[in-house]
PDB file of N, CA and C in Angstrom:
ATOM      1  N   MET A   1      -9.265   6.222  -4.105  1.00  0.00           N
ATOM      2  CA  MET A   1      -7.820   6.245  -4.232  1.00  0.00           C
ATOM      3  C   MET A   1      -7.280   7.613  -3.807  1.00  0.00           C
ATOM      4  N   GLN A   2      -7.971   8.680  -4.204  1.00  0.00           N
ATOM      5  CA  GLN A   2      -7.510  10.015  -3.843  1.00  0.00           C
ATOM      6  C   GLN A   2      -7.490  10.180  -2.329  1.00  0.00           C
ATOM      7  N   TRP A   3      -8.530   9.680  -1.663  1.00  0.00           N
ATOM      8  CA  TRP A   3      -8.584   9.790  -0.210  1.00  0.00           C
ATOM      9  C   TRP A   3      -7.442   9.010   0.426  1.00  0.00           C
ATOM     10  N   LEU A   4      -7.196   7.816  -0.033  1.00  0.00           N
ATOM     11  CA  LEU A   4      -6.156   6.973   0.557  1.00  0.00           C
ATOM     12  C   LEU A   4      -4.766   7.545   0.295  1.00  0.00           C
ATOM     13  N   ALA A   5      -4.520   8.005  -0.917  1.00  0.00           N
ATOM     14  CA  ALA A   5      -3.199   8.538  -1.274  1.00  0.00           C
ATOM     15  C   ALA A   5      -2.968   9.920  -0.673  1.00  0.00           C
ATOM     16  N   GLY A   6      -4.024  10.720  -0.532  1.00  0.00           N
ATOM     17  CA  GLY A   6      -3.884  12.043   0.075  1.00  0.00           C
ATOM     18  C   GLY A   6      -3.877  13.169  -0.943  1.00  0.00           C
ATOM     19  N   GLU A   7      -3.923  14.374  -0.423  1.00  0.00           N
ATOM     20  CA  GLU A   7      -4.033  15.587  -1.234  1.00  0.00           C
ATOM     21  C   GLU A   7      -2.874  15.771  -2.214  1.00  0.00           C
ATOM     22  N   GLY A   8      -1.655  15.462  -1.796  1.00  0.00           N
ATOM     23  CA  GLY A   8      -0.489  15.728  -2.631  1.00  0.00           C
ATOM     24  C   GLY A   8      -0.198  14.665  -3.672  1.00  0.00           C
ATOM     25  N   ALA A   9      -1.064  13.676  -3.785  1.00  0.00           N
ATOM     26  CA  ALA A   9      -0.816  12.577  -4.719  1.00  0.00           C
ATOM     27  C   ALA A   9      -1.150  12.975  -6.148  1.00  0.00           C
ATOM     28  N   GLU A  10      -0.361  12.483  -7.059  1.00  0.00           N
ATOM     29  CA  GLU A  10      -0.623  12.685  -8.475  1.00  0.00           C
ATOM     30  C   GLU A  10      -1.362  11.440  -8.978  1.00  0.00           C
ATOM     31  N   ILE A  11      -2.576  11.636  -9.464  1.00  0.00           N
ATOM     32  CA  ILE A  11      -3.406  10.531  -9.936  1.00  0.00           C
ATOM     33  C   ILE A  11      -3.365  10.493 -11.461  1.00  0.00           C
ATOM     34  N   SER A  12      -3.087   9.321 -12.008  1.00  0.00           N
ATOM     35  CA  SER A  12      -3.105   9.157 -13.461  1.00  0.00           C
ATOM     36  C   SER A  12      -4.013   7.987 -13.825  1.00  0.00           C
ATOM     37  N   ARG A  13      -4.626   8.088 -14.992  1.00  0.00           N
ATOM     38  CA  ARG A  13      -5.534   7.036 -15.481  1.00  0.00           C
ATOM     39  C   ARG A  13      -5.063   6.604 -16.858  1.00  0.00           C
ATOM     40  N   GLU A  14      -5.141   5.314 -17.112  1.00  0.00           N
ATOM     41  CA  GLU A  14      -4.724   4.787 -18.408  1.00  0.00           C
ATOM     42  C   GLU A  14      -5.656   3.648 -18.820  1.00  0.00           C
ATOM     43  N   ARG A  15      -6.231   3.773 -19.994  1.00  0.00           N
ATOM     44  CA  ARG A  15      -7.061   2.703 -20.536  1.00  0.00           C
ATOM     45  C   ARG A  15      -6.146   1.726 -21.266  1.00  0.00           C
ATOM     46  N   SER A  16      -6.393   0.440 -21.041  1.00  0.00           N
ATOM     47  CA  SER A  16      -5.602  -0.585 -21.708  1.00  0.00           C
ATOM     48  C   SER A  16      -6.438  -1.862 -21.801  1.00  0.00           C
ATOM     49  N   LYS A  17      -5.795  -2.929 -22.194  1.00  0.00           N
ATOM     50  CA  LYS A  17      -6.468  -4.228 -22.262  1.00  0.00           C
ATOM     51  C   LYS A  17      -5.771  -5.181 -21.309  1.00  0.00           C
ATOM     52  N   SER A  18      -6.566  -6.055 -20.713  1.00  0.00           N
ATOM     53  CA  SER A  18      -6.009  -7.040 -19.808  1.00  0.00           C
ATOM     54  C   SER A  18      -5.263  -8.109 -20.601  1.00  0.00           C
ATOM     55  N   HIS A  19      -4.660  -9.019 -19.895  1.00  0.00           N
ATOM     56  CA  HIS A  19      -3.923 -10.122 -20.519  1.00  0.00           C
ATOM     57  C   HIS A  19      -4.805 -10.897 -21.497  1.00  0.00           C
ATOM     58  N   HIS A  20      -6.082 -11.021 -21.174  1.00  0.00           N
ATOM     59  CA  HIS A  20      -7.022 -11.775 -22.022  1.00  0.00           C
ATOM     60  C   HIS A  20      -7.783 -10.889 -22.993  1.00  0.00           C
ATOM     61  N   GLY A  21      -7.480  -9.600 -23.046  1.00  0.00           N
ATOM     62  CA  GLY A  21      -8.075  -8.715 -24.036  1.00  0.00           C
ATOM     63  C   GLY A  21      -9.241  -7.865 -23.567  1.00  0.00           C
ATOM     64  N   ALA A  22      -9.698  -8.067 -22.351  1.00  0.00           N
ATOM     65  CA  ALA A  22     -10.815  -7.266 -21.838  1.00  0.00           C
ATOM     66  C   ALA A  22     -10.332  -5.851 -21.528  1.00  0.00           C
ATOM     67  N   PRO A  23     -11.168  -4.832 -21.803  1.00  0.00           N
ATOM     68  CA  PRO A  23     -10.748  -3.461 -21.484  1.00  0.00           C
ATOM     69  C   PRO A  23     -10.617  -3.278 -19.976  1.00  0.00           C
ATOM     70  N   GLN A  24      -9.655  -2.480 -19.586  1.00  0.00           N
ATOM     71  CA  GLN A  24      -9.464  -2.191 -18.171  1.00  0.00           C
ATOM     72  C   GLN A  24      -8.975  -0.766 -18.008  1.00  0.00           C
ATOM     73  N   MET A  25      -9.165  -0.228 -16.830  1.00  0.00           N
ATOM     74  CA  MET A  25      -8.703   1.112 -16.498  1.00  0.00           C
ATOM     75  C   MET A  25      -7.678   0.973 -15.378  1.00  0.00           C
ATOM     76  N   MET A  26      -6.469   1.456 -15.632  1.00  0.00           N
ATOM     77  CA  MET A  26      -5.408   1.435 -14.634  1.00  0.00           C
ATOM     78  C   MET A  26      -5.362   2.822 -14.013  1.00  0.00           C
ATOM     79  N   ILE A  27      -5.520   2.880 -12.692  1.00  0.00           N
ATOM     80  CA  ILE A  27      -5.453   4.142 -11.962  1.00  0.00           C
ATOM     81  C   ILE A  27      -4.244   4.064 -11.042  1.00  0.00           C
ATOM     82  N   GLU A  28      -3.382   5.057 -11.138  1.00  0.00           N
ATOM     83  CA  GLU A  28      -2.151   5.049 -10.356  1.00  0.00           C
ATOM     84  C   GLU A  28      -2.033   6.346  -9.578  1.00  0.00           C
ATOM     85  N   ALA A  29      -1.680   6.210  -8.304  1.00  0.00           N
ATOM     86  CA  ALA A  29      -1.428   7.370  -7.451  1.00  0.00           C
ATOM     87  C   ALA A  29       0.046   7.365  -7.080  1.00  0.00           C
ATOM     88  N   SER A  30       0.714   8.482  -7.282  1.00  0.00           N
ATOM     89  CA  SER A  30       2.130   8.612  -6.940  1.00  0.00           C
ATOM     90  C   SER A  30       2.303   9.731  -5.932  1.00  0.00           C
ATOM     91  N   ILE A  31       3.124   9.456  -4.936  1.00  0.00           N
ATOM     92  CA  ILE A  31       3.418  10.445  -3.905  1.00  0.00           C
ATOM     93  C   ILE A  31       4.933  10.604  -3.868  1.00  0.00           C
ATOM     94  N   ASP A  32       5.410  11.808  -4.079  1.00  0.00           N
ATOM     95  CA  ASP A  32       6.848  12.043  -4.131  1.00  0.00           C
ATOM     96  C   ASP A  32       7.460  12.462  -2.796  1.00  0.00           C
ATOM     97  N   ARG A  33       6.649  12.992  -1.917  1.00  0.00           N
ATOM     98  CA  ARG A  33       7.193  13.518  -0.663  1.00  0.00           C
ATOM     99  C   ARG A  33       7.076  12.505   0.465  1.00  0.00           C
ATOM    100  N   LYS A  34       8.110  12.476   1.298  1.00  0.00           N
ATOM    101  CA  LYS A  34       8.174  11.538   2.414  1.00  0.00           C
ATOM    102  C   LYS A  34       6.974  11.697   3.360  1.00  0.00           C
ATOM    103  N   LYS A  35       6.643  12.932   3.680  1.00  0.00           N
ATOM    104  CA  LYS A  35       5.541  13.192   4.612  1.00  0.00           C
ATOM    105  C   LYS A  35       4.214  12.680   4.049  1.00  0.00           C
ATOM    106  N   GLY A  36       3.959  12.918   2.764  1.00  0.00           N
ATOM    107  CA  GLY A  36       2.728  12.442   2.138  1.00  0.00           C
ATOM    108  C   GLY A  36       2.650  10.936   2.086  1.00  0.00           C
ATOM    109  N   ALA A  37       3.778  10.284   1.812  1.00  0.00           N
ATOM    110  CA  ALA A  37       3.807   8.819   1.764  1.00  0.00           C
ATOM    111  C   ALA A  37       3.564   8.236   3.151  1.00  0.00           C
ATOM    112  N   LYS A  38       4.151   8.847   4.166  1.00  0.00           N
ATOM    113  CA  LYS A  38       3.950   8.384   5.541  1.00  0.00           C
ATOM    114  C   LYS A  38       2.483   8.534   5.945  1.00  0.00           C
ATOM    115  N   GLN A  39       1.873   9.658   5.591  1.00  0.00           N
ATOM    116  CA  GLN A  39       0.461   9.872   5.912  1.00  0.00           C
ATOM    117  C   GLN A  39      -0.428   8.864   5.188  1.00  0.00           C
ATOM    118  N   ALA A  40      -0.114   8.553   3.935  1.00  0.00           N
ATOM    119  CA  ALA A  40      -0.895   7.562   3.192  1.00  0.00           C
ATOM    120  C   ALA A  40      -0.764   6.187   3.844  1.00  0.00           C
ATOM    121  N   PHE A  41       0.428   5.855   4.284  1.00  0.00           N
ATOM    122  CA  PHE A  41       0.648   4.575   4.970  1.00  0.00           C
ATOM    123  C   PHE A  41      -0.174   4.513   6.249  1.00  0.00           C
ATOM    124  N   LEU A  42      -0.143   5.582   7.025  1.00  0.00           N
ATOM    125  CA  LEU A  42      -0.880   5.617   8.290  1.00  0.00           C
ATOM    126  C   LEU A  42      -2.388   5.676   8.069  1.00  0.00           C
ATOM    127  N   ARG A  43      -2.824   6.229   6.933  1.00  0.00           N
ATOM    128  CA  ARG A  43      -4.241   6.325   6.608  1.00  0.00           C
ATOM    129  C   ARG A  43      -4.863   4.937   6.412  1.00  0.00           C
ATOM    130  N   MET A  44      -4.035   3.932   6.235  1.00  0.00           N
ATOM    131  CA  MET A  44      -4.561   2.564   6.100  1.00  0.00           C
ATOM    132  C   MET A  44      -5.311   2.146   7.369  1.00  0.00           C
ATOM    133  N   GLY A  45      -4.956   2.721   8.501  1.00  0.00           N
ATOM    134  CA  GLY A  45      -5.686   2.489   9.733  1.00  0.00           C
ATOM    135  C   GLY A  45      -5.072   1.413  10.614  1.00  0.00           C
ATOM    136  N   VAL A  46      -5.471   1.446  11.871  1.00  0.00           N
ATOM    137  CA  VAL A  46      -4.916   0.564  12.891  1.00  0.00           C
ATOM    138  C   VAL A  46      -5.168  -0.906  12.557  1.00  0.00           C
ATOM    139  N   ALA A  47      -6.377  -1.243  12.157  1.00  0.00           N
ATOM    140  CA  ALA A  47      -6.708  -2.655  11.893  1.00  0.00           C
ATOM    141  C   ALA A  47      -5.877  -3.211  10.743  1.00  0.00           C
ATOM    142  N   ALA A  48      -5.797  -2.487   9.634  1.00  0.00           N
ATOM    143  CA  ALA A  48      -5.033  -2.969   8.477  1.00  0.00           C
ATOM    144  C   ALA A  48      -3.540  -3.045   8.796  1.00  0.00           C
ATOM    145  N   LEU A  49      -3.023  -2.063   9.524  1.00  0.00           N
ATOM    146  CA  LEU A  49      -1.604  -2.083   9.867  1.00  0.00           C
ATOM    147  C   LEU A  49      -1.293  -3.218  10.836  1.00  0.00           C
ATOM    148  N   SER A  50      -2.195  -3.500  11.756  1.00  0.00           N
ATOM    149  CA  SER A  50      -2.011  -4.640  12.665  1.00  0.00           C
ATOM    150  C   SER A  50      -2.038  -5.952  11.885  1.00  0.00           C
ATOM    151  N   ASP A  51      -2.961  -6.046  10.922  1.00  0.00           N
ATOM    152  CA  ASP A  51      -3.022  -7.237  10.066  1.00  0.00           C
ATOM    153  C   ASP A  51      -1.751  -7.378   9.241  1.00  0.00           C
ATOM    154  N   LEU A  52      -1.232  -6.254   8.791  1.00  0.00           N
ATOM    155  CA  LEU A  52       0.002  -6.255   8.008  1.00  0.00           C
ATOM    156  C   LEU A  52       1.156  -6.821   8.833  1.00  0.00           C
ATOM    157  N   ARG A  53       1.229  -6.388  10.063  1.00  0.00           N
ATOM    158  CA  ARG A  53       2.288  -6.880  10.950  1.00  0.00           C
ATOM    159  C   ARG A  53       2.133  -8.376  11.208  1.00  0.00           C
ATOM    160  N   SER A  54       0.914  -8.814  11.485  1.00  0.00           N
ATOM    161  CA  SER A  54       0.719 -10.237  11.780  1.00  0.00           C
ATOM    162  C   SER A  54       0.876 -11.113  10.531  1.00  0.00           C
ATOM    163  N   ALA A  55       0.721 -10.526   9.335  1.00  0.00           N
ATOM    164  CA  ALA A  55       0.917 -11.280   8.094  1.00  0.00           C
ATOM    165  C   ALA A  55       2.397 -11.524   7.827  1.00  0.00           C
ATOM    166  N   GLY A  56       3.261 -10.770   8.486  1.00  0.00           N
ATOM    167  CA  GLY A  56       4.699 -10.920   8.293  1.00  0.00           C
ATOM    168  C   GLY A  56       5.244  -9.879   7.343  1.00  0.00           C
ATOM    169  N   ILE A  57       5.578  -8.727   7.892  1.00  0.00           N
ATOM    170  CA  ILE A  57       6.045  -7.606   7.078  1.00  0.00           C
ATOM    171  C   ILE A  57       7.292  -7.983   6.279  1.00  0.00           C
ATOM    172  N   ALA A  58       8.175  -8.751   6.865  1.00  0.00           N
ATOM    173  CA  ALA A  58       9.441  -9.091   6.197  1.00  0.00           C
ATOM    174  C   ALA A  58       9.206  -9.767   4.845  1.00  0.00           C
ATOM    175  N   ASP A  59       8.155 -10.563   4.750  1.00  0.00           N
ATOM    176  CA  ASP A  59       7.855 -11.261   3.495  1.00  0.00           C
ATOM    177  C   ASP A  59       7.332 -10.326   2.412  1.00  0.00           C
ATOM    178  N   LEU A  60       6.921  -9.118   2.791  1.00  0.00           N
ATOM    179  CA  LEU A  60       6.338  -8.172   1.850  1.00  0.00           C
ATOM    180  C   LEU A  60       7.319  -7.096   1.391  1.00  0.00           C
ATOM    181  N   ILE A  61       8.563  -7.184   1.850  1.00  0.00           N
ATOM    182  CA  ILE A  61       9.584  -6.211   1.487  1.00  0.00           C
ATOM    183  C   ILE A  61      10.515  -6.835   0.450  1.00  0.00           C
ATOM    184  N   ASP A  62      10.744  -6.107  -0.651  1.00  0.00           N
ATOM    185  CA  ASP A  62      11.615  -6.632  -1.701  1.00  0.00           C
ATOM    186  C   ASP A  62      13.063  -6.184  -1.492  1.00  0.00           C
ATOM    187  N   GLU A  63      13.941  -6.580  -2.405  1.00  0.00           N
ATOM    188  CA  GLU A  63      15.364  -6.271  -2.288  1.00  0.00           C
ATOM    189  C   GLU A  63      15.674  -4.780  -2.460  1.00  0.00           C
ATOM    190  N   ASP A  64      14.725  -4.007  -2.993  1.00  0.00           N
ATOM    191  CA  ASP A  64      14.906  -2.563  -3.134  1.00  0.00           C
ATOM    192  C   ASP A  64      14.349  -1.788  -1.951  1.00  0.00           C
ATOM    193  N   LYS A  65      14.048  -2.483  -0.864  1.00  0.00           N
ATOM    194  CA  LYS A  65      13.492  -1.899   0.359  1.00  0.00           C
ATOM    195  C   LYS A  65      12.150  -1.232   0.107  1.00  0.00           C
ATOM    196  N   ALA A  66      11.298  -1.911  -0.643  1.00  0.00           N
ATOM    197  CA  ALA A  66       9.940  -1.424  -0.904  1.00  0.00           C
ATOM    198  C   ALA A  66       8.951  -2.420  -0.304  1.00  0.00           C
ATOM    199  N   LEU A  67       7.988  -1.899   0.422  1.00  0.00           N
ATOM    200  CA  LEU A  67       6.927  -2.714   1.000  1.00  0.00           C
ATOM    201  C   LEU A  67       5.796  -2.816  -0.013  1.00  0.00           C
ATOM    202  N   HIS A  68       5.346  -4.032  -0.279  1.00  0.00           N
ATOM    203  CA  HIS A  68       4.249  -4.261  -1.218  1.00  0.00           C
ATOM    204  C   HIS A  68       3.023  -4.745  -0.443  1.00  0.00           C
ATOM    205  N   VAL A  69       1.922  -4.008  -0.595  1.00  0.00           N
ATOM    206  CA  VAL A  69       0.664  -4.385   0.071  1.00  0.00           C
ATOM    207  C   VAL A  69      -0.435  -4.511  -0.977  1.00  0.00           C
ATOM    208  N   ARG A  70      -1.431  -5.297  -0.651  1.00  0.00           N
ATOM    209  CA  ARG A  70      -2.619  -5.419  -1.500  1.00  0.00           C
ATOM    210  C   ARG A  70      -3.837  -5.171  -0.623  1.00  0.00           C
ATOM    211  N   ILE A  71      -4.665  -4.228  -1.090  1.00  0.00           N
ATOM    212  CA  ILE A  71      -5.859  -3.825  -0.352  1.00  0.00           C
ATOM    213  C   ILE A  71      -7.078  -4.359  -1.092  1.00  0.00           C
ATOM    214  N   ASP A  72      -8.006  -4.910  -0.344  1.00  0.00           N
ATOM    215  CA  ASP A  72      -9.232  -5.468  -0.918  1.00  0.00           C
ATOM    216  C   ASP A  72     -10.008  -4.354  -1.623  1.00  0.00           C
ATOM    217  N   ILE A  73     -10.208  -4.505  -2.922  1.00  0.00           N
ATOM    218  CA  ILE A  73     -10.851  -3.455  -3.724  1.00  0.00           C
ATOM    219  C   ILE A  73     -12.325  -3.279  -3.362  1.00  0.00           C
ATOM    220  N   ASP A  74     -13.030  -4.362  -3.040  1.00  0.00           N
ATOM    221  CA  ASP A  74     -14.439  -4.248  -2.652  1.00  0.00           C
ATOM    222  C   ASP A  74     -14.596  -3.445  -1.363  1.00  0.00           C
ATOM    223  N   GLU A  75     -13.702  -3.669  -0.420  1.00  0.00           N
ATOM    224  CA  GLU A  75     -13.744  -2.920   0.838  1.00  0.00           C
ATOM    225  C   GLU A  75     -13.383  -1.453   0.609  1.00  0.00           C
ATOM    226  N   LEU A  76     -12.400  -1.206  -0.242  1.00  0.00           N
ATOM    227  CA  LEU A  76     -11.973   0.169  -0.504  1.00  0.00           C
ATOM    228  C   LEU A  76     -13.090   0.994  -1.138  1.00  0.00           C
ATOM    229  N   VAL A  77     -13.830   0.389  -2.054  1.00  0.00           N
ATOM    230  CA  VAL A  77     -14.948   1.085  -2.698  1.00  0.00           C
ATOM    231  C   VAL A  77     -16.000   1.490  -1.662  1.00  0.00           C
ATOM    232  N   GLN A  78     -16.109   0.726  -0.592  1.00  0.00           N
ATOM    233  CA  GLN A  78     -17.070   1.022   0.472  1.00  0.00           C
ATOM    234  C   GLN A  78     -16.481   1.933   1.550  1.00  0.00           C
ATOM    235  N   GLY A  79     -15.247   2.409   1.324  1.00  0.00           N
ATOM    236  CA  GLY A  79     -14.634   3.336   2.265  1.00  0.00           C
ATOM    237  C   GLY A  79     -13.940   2.675   3.432  1.00  0.00           C
ATOM    238  N   ARG A  80     -13.684   1.376   3.327  1.00  0.00           N
ATOM    239  CA  ARG A  80     -12.995   0.649   4.394  1.00  0.00           C
ATOM    240  C   ARG A  80     -11.675   0.112   3.848  1.00  0.00           C
ATOM    241  N   ILE A  81     -10.700   0.000   4.729  1.00  0.00           N
ATOM    242  CA  ILE A  81      -9.395  -0.516   4.339  1.00  0.00           C
ATOM    243  C   ILE A  81      -9.182  -1.862   5.009  1.00  0.00           C
ATOM    244  N   SER A  82      -8.958  -2.882   4.201  1.00  0.00           N
ATOM    245  CA  SER A  82      -8.557  -4.175   4.742  1.00  0.00           C
ATOM    246  C   SER A  82      -7.634  -4.836   3.730  1.00  0.00           C
ATOM    247  N   LEU A  83      -6.697  -5.608   4.245  1.00  0.00           N
ATOM    248  CA  LEU A  83      -5.750  -6.282   3.377  1.00  0.00           C
ATOM    249  C   LEU A  83      -6.455  -7.366   2.577  1.00  0.00           C
ATOM    250  N   ALA A  84      -6.048  -7.507   1.332  1.00  0.00           N
ATOM    251  CA  ALA A  84      -6.605  -8.549   0.473  1.00  0.00           C
ATOM    252  C   ALA A  84      -5.960  -9.878   0.849  1.00  0.00           C
ATOM    253  N   THR A  85      -6.784 -10.891   1.012  1.00  0.00           N
ATOM    254  CA  THR A  85      -6.291 -12.224   1.338  1.00  0.00           C
ATOM    255  C   THR A  85      -6.971 -13.245   0.441  1.00  0.00           C
ATOM    256  N   GLY A  86      -6.354 -14.379   0.303  1.00  0.00           N
ATOM    257  CA  GLY A  86      -6.950 -15.457  -0.488  1.00  0.00           C
ATOM    258  C   GLY A  86      -7.211 -15.044  -1.926  1.00  0.00           C
ATOM    259  N   LYS A  87      -8.405 -15.360  -2.417  1.00  0.00           N
ATOM    260  CA  LYS A  87      -8.772 -15.058  -3.802  1.00  0.00           C
ATOM    261  C   LYS A  87      -8.853 -13.565  -4.089  1.00  0.00           C
ATOM    262  N   SER A  88      -9.141 -12.756  -3.074  1.00  0.00           N
ATOM    263  CA  SER A  88      -9.263 -11.312  -3.293  1.00  0.00           C
ATOM    264  C   SER A  88      -7.916 -10.658  -3.603  1.00  0.00           C
ATOM    265  N   ARG A  89      -6.794 -11.371  -3.373  1.00  0.00           N
ATOM    266  CA  ARG A  89      -5.474 -10.813  -3.701  1.00  0.00           C
ATOM    267  C   ARG A  89      -5.299 -10.623  -5.204  1.00  0.00           C
ATOM    268  N   LYS A  90      -6.021 -11.425  -6.000  1.00  0.00           N
ATOM    269  CA  LYS A  90      -5.878 -11.348  -7.452  1.00  0.00           C
ATOM    270  C   LYS A  90      -6.450 -10.036  -7.995  1.00  0.00           C
ATOM    271  N   PHE A  91      -7.552  -9.582  -7.422  1.00  0.00           N
ATOM    272  CA  PHE A  91      -8.200  -8.337  -7.856  1.00  0.00           C
ATOM    273  C   PHE A  91      -8.137  -7.345  -6.706  1.00  0.00           C
ATOM    274  N   ALA A  92      -6.982  -6.748  -6.518  1.00  0.00           N
ATOM    275  CA  ALA A  92      -6.772  -5.872  -5.378  1.00  0.00           C
ATOM    276  C   ALA A  92      -6.085  -4.586  -5.820  1.00  0.00           C
ATOM    277  N   VAL A  93      -6.162  -3.597  -4.951  1.00  0.00           N
ATOM    278  CA  VAL A  93      -5.416  -2.367  -5.140  1.00  0.00           C
ATOM    279  C   VAL A  93      -4.011  -2.644  -4.619  1.00  0.00           C
ATOM    280  N   LYS A  94      -3.030  -2.424  -5.457  1.00  0.00           N
ATOM    281  CA  LYS A  94      -1.655  -2.709  -5.075  1.00  0.00           C
ATOM    282  C   LYS A  94      -0.980  -1.432  -4.604  1.00  0.00           C
ATOM    283  N   GLY A  95      -0.291  -1.543  -3.497  1.00  0.00           N
ATOM    284  CA  GLY A  95       0.441  -0.402  -2.959  1.00  0.00           C
ATOM    285  C   GLY A  95       1.913  -0.737  -2.836  1.00  0.00           C
ATOM    286  N   ARG A  96       2.739   0.253  -3.072  1.00  0.00           N
ATOM    287  CA  ARG A  96       4.187   0.090  -2.948  1.00  0.00           C
ATOM    288  C   ARG A  96       4.729   1.288  -2.193  1.00  0.00           C
ATOM    289  N   PHE A  97       5.349   1.020  -1.047  1.00  0.00           N
ATOM    290  CA  PHE A  97       5.918   2.068  -0.208  1.00  0.00           C
ATOM    291  C   PHE A  97       7.425   1.878  -0.134  1.00  0.00           C
ATOM    292  N   LYS A  98       8.181   2.859  -0.583  1.00  0.00           N
ATOM    293  CA  LYS A  98       9.637   2.818  -0.490  1.00  0.00           C
ATOM    294  C   LYS A  98      10.020   3.148   0.939  1.00  0.00           C
ATOM    295  N   ILE A  99      10.858   2.315   1.543  1.00  0.00           N
ATOM    296  CA  ILE A  99      11.256   2.481   2.937  1.00  0.00           C
ATOM    297  C   ILE A  99      12.607   3.190   2.991  1.00  0.00           C
ATOM    298  N   GLU A 100      12.648   4.307   3.682  1.00  0.00           N
ATOM    299  CA  GLU A 100      13.901   5.034   3.847  1.00  0.00           C
ATOM    300  C   GLU A 100      14.658   4.420   5.017  1.00  0.00           C
ATOM    301  N   SER A 101      15.785   3.818   4.709  1.00  0.00           N
ATOM    302  CA  SER A 101      16.623   3.254   5.760  1.00  0.00           C
ATOM    303  C   SER A 101      18.083   3.481   5.400  1.00  0.00           C
ATOM    304  N   TYR A 102      18.890   3.524   6.403  1.00  0.00           N
ATOM    305  CA  TYR A 102      20.313   3.787   6.239  1.00  0.00           C
ATOM    306  C   TYR A 102      21.100   2.551   6.656  1.00  0.00           C
ATOM    307  N   PRO A 103      22.384   2.487   6.308  1.00  0.00           N
ATOM    308  CA  PRO A 103      23.178   1.315   6.707  1.00  0.00           C
ATOM    309  C   PRO A 103      23.060   1.048   8.201  1.00  0.00           C
ATOM    310  N   GLY A 104      22.847  -0.193   8.530  1.00  0.00           N
ATOM    311  CA  GLY A 104      22.675  -0.585   9.929  1.00  0.00           C
ATOM    312  C   GLY A 104      21.230  -0.601  10.384  1.00  0.00           C
ATOM    313  N   GLN A 105      20.321  -0.054   9.571  1.00  0.00           N
ATOM    314  CA  GLN A 105      18.901  -0.054   9.916  1.00  0.00           C
ATOM    315  C   GLN A 105      18.194  -1.139   9.103  1.00  0.00           C
ATOM    316  N   GLU A 106      17.292  -1.820   9.742  1.00  0.00           N
ATOM    317  CA  GLU A 106      16.495  -2.841   9.076  1.00  0.00           C
ATOM    318  C   GLU A 106      15.139  -2.259   8.695  1.00  0.00           C
ATOM    319  N   PRO A 107      14.723  -2.394   7.441  1.00  0.00           N
ATOM    320  CA  PRO A 107      13.421  -1.873   7.017  1.00  0.00           C
ATOM    321  C   PRO A 107      12.256  -2.408   7.863  1.00  0.00           C
ATOM    322  N   VAL A 108      12.331  -3.667   8.277  1.00  0.00           N
ATOM    323  CA  VAL A 108      11.259  -4.251   9.094  1.00  0.00           C
ATOM    324  C   VAL A 108      11.143  -3.519  10.423  1.00  0.00           C
ATOM    325  N   GLU A 109      12.280  -3.201  11.035  1.00  0.00           N
ATOM    326  CA  GLU A 109      12.265  -2.489  12.315  1.00  0.00           C
ATOM    327  C   GLU A 109      11.689  -1.082  12.153  1.00  0.00           C
ATOM    328  N   ILE A 110      12.015  -0.425  11.055  1.00  0.00           N
ATOM    329  CA  ILE A 110      11.497   0.919  10.792  1.00  0.00           C
ATOM    330  C   ILE A 110       9.974   0.882  10.668  1.00  0.00           C
ATOM    331  N   LEU A 111       9.459  -0.083   9.909  1.00  0.00           N
ATOM    332  CA  LEU A 111       8.003  -0.202   9.739  1.00  0.00           C
ATOM    333  C   LEU A 111       7.317  -0.576  11.044  1.00  0.00           C
ATOM    334  N   ASN A 112       7.903  -1.506  11.803  1.00  0.00           N
ATOM    335  CA  ASN A 112       7.303  -1.888  13.086  1.00  0.00           C
ATOM    336  C   ASN A 112       7.246  -0.703  14.038  1.00  0.00           C
ATOM    337  N   GLN A 113       8.296   0.134  14.044  1.00  0.00           N
ATOM    338  CA  GLN A 113       8.294   1.321  14.902  1.00  0.00           C
ATOM    339  C   GLN A 113       7.214   2.305  14.452  1.00  0.00           C
ATOM    340  N   LEU A 114       7.059   2.487  13.153  1.00  0.00           N
ATOM    341  CA  LEU A 114       6.033   3.385  12.622  1.00  0.00           C
ATOM    342  C   LEU A 114       4.645   2.896  13.021  1.00  0.00           C
ATOM    343  N   ILE A 115       4.426   1.596  12.900  1.00  0.00           N
ATOM    344  CA  ILE A 115       3.129   1.018  13.281  1.00  0.00           C
ATOM    345  C   ILE A 115       2.923   1.143  14.788  1.00  0.00           C
ATOM    346  N   ASP A 116       3.973   0.881  15.585  1.00  0.00           N
ATOM    347  CA  ASP A 116       3.871   1.022  17.044  1.00  0.00           C
ATOM    348  C   ASP A 116       3.477   2.439  17.447  1.00  0.00           C
ATOM    349  N   ASP A 117       3.985   3.434  16.708  1.00  0.00           N
ATOM    350  CA  ASP A 117       3.701   4.827  17.036  1.00  0.00           C
ATOM    351  C   ASP A 117       2.218   5.160  16.913  1.00  0.00           C
ATOM    352  N   ILE A 118       1.487   4.471  16.027  1.00  0.00           N
ATOM    353  CA  ILE A 118       0.070   4.788  15.885  1.00  0.00           C
ATOM    354  C   ILE A 118      -0.852   3.766  16.522  1.00  0.00           C
ATOM    355  N   VAL A 119      -0.354   2.556  16.709  1.00  0.00           N
ATOM    356  CA  VAL A 119      -1.202   1.518  17.328  1.00  0.00           C
ATOM    357  C   VAL A 119      -1.108   1.670  18.819  1.00  0.00           C
TER     358      VAL A 119
END
């Protein structure tokens, strides 16, 4: 998580219980700076970002202009980034990226341009 979020990320850990009572550890990385968040997004890599685009970015953006992604936890533990699909979406690393956009700008267009710049 530290590698994916980057040097400037604040990592917090919280022990709790799952819905069914099993112990779990919640690890959260927060990035406050625009540059750090952009680098974390780009750190996902060309393959994952291409998959994100083909999955339909518009469907992953909420009304608050935040992009929600799920990364396969088994792949992440092995140092690889791939989007969680199917059953692996249930046990995935969840990411939320706030999209900076101004009136007249579409969040989808901003993300597509960002992906185009690195792909």
